[in-house]
Structures are given as C-alpha cells and as structure tokens.
Amino acid sequence: METNSHRTDSKGNLQAEDNYAAHQEDPAPSPEAIKEPNDRPASKTIWIAVIIAITIMAVIYFLYIF
C-alpha cells in the first residue's frame, strides 16, 4: 500500500525504504521534513537556561570566595 509516496503495511505503519537507487537523482529530504513546524524552539529558550546557570555558578563562586 502506498500512502503519500511512503510504503506502509496493511495497518498503516511506515515501512523502511529499501529502494535507494530510486532516490539517487533527488536525494533531498522529504517535503514533510522541510515543512515540519518548529513547535519546540529550543534555540529561543536555551539562552535563559545559560543565563540562569551562569548566575547560579557566580553566586556559588562568590559565596565560597568571600
């Protein structure tokens, strides 16, 4: 069974690809991977975690020094 150009079994589960020669002319990622929404923007929140970690380390450092 073919669904959205992906091979699936009778239950609709995706099967692993075994015809690699068919994609040698167009080795780009699938359209689903390119159009996937960014619902977990880690790059926007990582800076908050970095600032908090540096602040905590600075407080601990100054408590032991002074």
N, C-alpha and C. Protein backbone atom coordinates (compact mmCIF):
# COMPACT_ATOMS: atom_id res chain seq x y z
N MET A 1 0.84 -1.17 0.00
CA MET A 1 0.00 0.00 0.00
C MET A 1 0.90 1.24 0.00
N GLU A 2 0.60 2.19 -0.85
CA GLU A 2 1.35 3.44 -0.93
C GLU A 2 0.49 4.57 -0.37
N THR A 3 1.05 5.33 0.56
CA THR A 3 0.34 6.47 1.13
C THR A 3 1.30 7.65 1.16
N ASN A 4 0.96 8.73 0.47
CA ASN A 4 1.81 9.92 0.42
C ASN A 4 3.22 9.57 -0.01
N SER A 5 3.35 8.70 -0.96
CA SER A 5 4.63 8.23 -1.50
C SER A 5 5.48 7.52 -0.47
N HIS A 6 4.87 7.03 0.61
CA HIS A 6 5.58 6.24 1.61
C HIS A 6 4.98 4.84 1.60
N ARG A 7 5.84 3.85 1.76
CA ARG A 7 5.34 2.48 1.81
C ARG A 7 4.82 2.19 3.20
N THR A 8 3.62 1.64 3.26
CA THR A 8 3.02 1.28 4.54
C THR A 8 2.51 -0.15 4.47
N ASP A 9 2.36 -0.76 5.64
CA ASP A 9 1.77 -2.09 5.67
C ASP A 9 0.25 -1.97 5.74
N SER A 10 -0.44 -3.06 5.94
CA SER A 10 -1.91 -3.04 5.93
C SER A 10 -2.48 -2.25 7.10
N LYS A 11 -1.71 -2.06 8.18
CA LYS A 11 -2.19 -1.30 9.33
C LYS A 11 -1.87 0.19 9.22
N GLY A 12 -1.12 0.57 8.20
CA GLY A 12 -0.77 1.97 8.02
C GLY A 12 0.57 2.36 8.61
N ASN A 13 1.32 1.39 9.14
CA ASN A 13 2.64 1.68 9.70
C ASN A 13 3.65 1.85 8.58
N LEU A 14 4.53 2.82 8.74
CA LEU A 14 5.55 3.06 7.73
C LEU A 14 6.55 1.92 7.70
N GLN A 15 6.98 1.57 6.50
CA GLN A 15 8.00 0.53 6.33
C GLN A 15 9.31 1.19 5.94
N ALA A 16 10.40 0.54 6.28
CA ALA A 16 11.72 1.07 5.94
C ALA A 16 11.91 1.03 4.43
N GLU A 17 12.63 2.02 3.93
CA GLU A 17 12.87 2.10 2.50
C GLU A 17 13.97 1.11 2.11
N ASP A 18 13.76 0.45 0.98
CA ASP A 18 14.77 -0.49 0.52
C ASP A 18 15.18 -0.24 -0.94
N ASN A 19 14.60 0.77 -1.58
CA ASN A 19 14.93 1.08 -2.96
C ASN A 19 15.70 2.41 -2.99
N TYR A 20 16.97 2.36 -2.65
CA TYR A 20 17.77 3.58 -2.58
C TYR A 20 18.13 4.11 -3.95
N ALA A 21 18.19 3.26 -4.95
CA ALA A 21 18.54 3.69 -6.30
C ALA A 21 17.49 4.64 -6.88
N ALA A 22 16.26 4.52 -6.45
CA ALA A 22 15.19 5.37 -6.96
C ALA A 22 15.36 6.83 -6.53
N HIS A 23 16.13 7.09 -5.49
CA HIS A 23 16.27 8.44 -4.97
C HIS A 23 17.65 9.03 -5.23
N GLN A 24 18.43 8.43 -6.09
CA GLN A 24 19.76 8.96 -6.36
C GLN A 24 19.71 10.28 -7.11
N GLU A 25 18.71 10.48 -7.94
CA GLU A 25 18.61 11.74 -8.69
C GLU A 25 18.07 12.87 -7.82
N ASP A 26 17.29 12.57 -6.82
CA ASP A 26 16.72 13.58 -5.94
C ASP A 26 16.93 13.15 -4.49
N PRO A 27 18.14 13.36 -3.94
CA PRO A 27 18.42 12.89 -2.59
C PRO A 27 17.99 13.86 -1.49
N ALA A 28 17.16 14.81 -1.81
CA ALA A 28 16.74 15.82 -0.83
C ALA A 28 15.85 15.19 0.24
N PRO A 29 15.73 15.86 1.38
CA PRO A 29 14.81 15.37 2.42
C PRO A 29 13.36 15.39 1.92
N SER A 30 12.54 14.65 2.59
CA SER A 30 11.14 14.60 2.19
C SER A 30 10.47 15.95 2.42
N PRO A 31 9.41 16.25 1.67
CA PRO A 31 8.69 17.52 1.87
C PRO A 31 8.15 17.66 3.29
N GLU A 32 7.78 16.54 3.92
CA GLU A 32 7.28 16.61 5.29
C GLU A 32 8.36 17.11 6.24
N ALA A 33 9.60 16.70 6.02
CA ALA A 33 10.69 17.13 6.90
C ALA A 33 10.99 18.61 6.71
N ILE A 34 10.84 19.11 5.50
CA ILE A 34 11.12 20.52 5.24
C ILE A 34 10.01 21.41 5.77
N LYS A 35 8.76 20.99 5.62
CA LYS A 35 7.61 21.80 6.02
C LYS A 35 7.19 21.58 7.47
N GLU A 36 7.95 20.78 8.23
CA GLU A 36 7.58 20.47 9.60
C GLU A 36 7.62 21.73 10.46
N PRO A 37 6.56 21.99 11.23
CA PRO A 37 6.54 23.20 12.05
C PRO A 37 7.54 23.09 13.21
N ASN A 38 8.06 24.21 13.60
CA ASN A 38 9.00 24.27 14.71
C ASN A 38 8.21 24.48 15.99
N ASP A 39 7.72 23.39 16.58
CA ASP A 39 6.89 23.52 17.76
C ASP A 39 7.70 23.47 19.06
N ARG A 40 9.00 23.25 18.98
CA ARG A 40 9.86 23.28 20.16
C ARG A 40 11.08 24.14 19.87
N PRO A 41 10.93 25.44 19.98
CA PRO A 41 12.04 26.33 19.64
C PRO A 41 13.09 26.38 20.74
N ALA A 42 13.96 25.38 20.78
CA ALA A 42 14.97 25.30 21.84
C ALA A 42 15.96 26.45 21.75
N SER A 43 16.23 26.93 20.56
CA SER A 43 17.22 28.00 20.43
C SER A 43 16.75 29.29 21.08
N LYS A 44 15.47 29.45 21.24
CA LYS A 44 14.95 30.66 21.88
C LYS A 44 15.02 30.57 23.39
N THR A 45 14.93 29.37 23.94
CA THR A 45 14.91 29.23 25.39
C THR A 45 16.24 28.79 25.97
N ILE A 46 17.18 28.37 25.15
CA ILE A 46 18.46 27.90 25.68
C ILE A 46 19.22 29.03 26.36
N TRP A 47 19.05 30.25 25.87
CA TRP A 47 19.76 31.38 26.47
C TRP A 47 19.28 31.65 27.88
N ILE A 48 18.03 31.42 28.15
CA ILE A 48 17.52 31.60 29.51
C ILE A 48 18.19 30.60 30.45
N ALA A 49 18.32 29.36 30.01
CA ALA A 49 18.97 28.33 30.83
C ALA A 49 20.44 28.65 31.04
N VAL A 50 21.12 29.17 30.02
CA VAL A 50 22.54 29.52 30.14
C VAL A 50 22.71 30.66 31.13
N ILE A 51 21.89 31.67 31.05
CA ILE A 51 21.99 32.82 31.97
C ILE A 51 21.72 32.39 33.40
N ILE A 52 20.71 31.54 33.60
CA ILE A 52 20.41 31.06 34.95
C ILE A 52 21.57 30.23 35.49
N ALA A 53 22.15 29.38 34.67
CA ALA A 53 23.27 28.54 35.11
C ALA A 53 24.49 29.39 35.47
N ILE A 54 24.79 30.40 34.66
CA ILE A 54 25.93 31.27 34.96
C ILE A 54 25.69 32.06 36.24
N THR A 55 24.47 32.52 36.43
CA THR A 55 24.13 33.27 37.65
C THR A 55 24.29 32.39 38.88
N ILE A 56 23.80 31.17 38.82
CA ILE A 56 23.91 30.26 39.96
C ILE A 56 25.38 29.93 40.23
N MET A 57 26.15 29.68 39.19
CA MET A 57 27.58 29.39 39.38
C MET A 57 28.31 30.59 39.96
N ALA A 58 27.96 31.80 39.54
CA ALA A 58 28.60 33.01 40.08
C ALA A 58 28.26 33.19 41.56
N VAL A 59 27.02 32.95 41.94
CA VAL A 59 26.61 33.08 43.34
C VAL A 59 27.36 32.06 44.18
N ILE A 60 27.44 30.83 43.74
CA ILE A 60 28.17 29.79 44.48
C ILE A 60 29.65 30.16 44.58
N TYR A 61 30.22 30.63 43.50
CA TYR A 61 31.63 31.02 43.49
C TYR A 61 31.90 32.14 44.49
N PHE A 62 31.08 33.18 44.49
CA PHE A 62 31.28 34.30 45.40
C PHE A 62 31.00 33.94 46.86
N LEU A 63 30.12 32.98 47.11
CA LEU A 63 29.87 32.53 48.48
C LEU A 63 31.10 31.82 49.04
N TYR A 64 31.79 31.05 48.22
CA TYR A 64 32.97 30.34 48.70
C TYR A 64 34.21 31.23 48.77
N ILE A 65 34.29 32.25 47.92
CA ILE A 65 35.45 33.13 47.92
C ILE A 65 35.37 34.14 49.07
N PHE A 66 34.21 34.71 49.28
CA PHE A 66 34.07 35.75 50.31
C PHE A 66 33.40 35.16 51.49
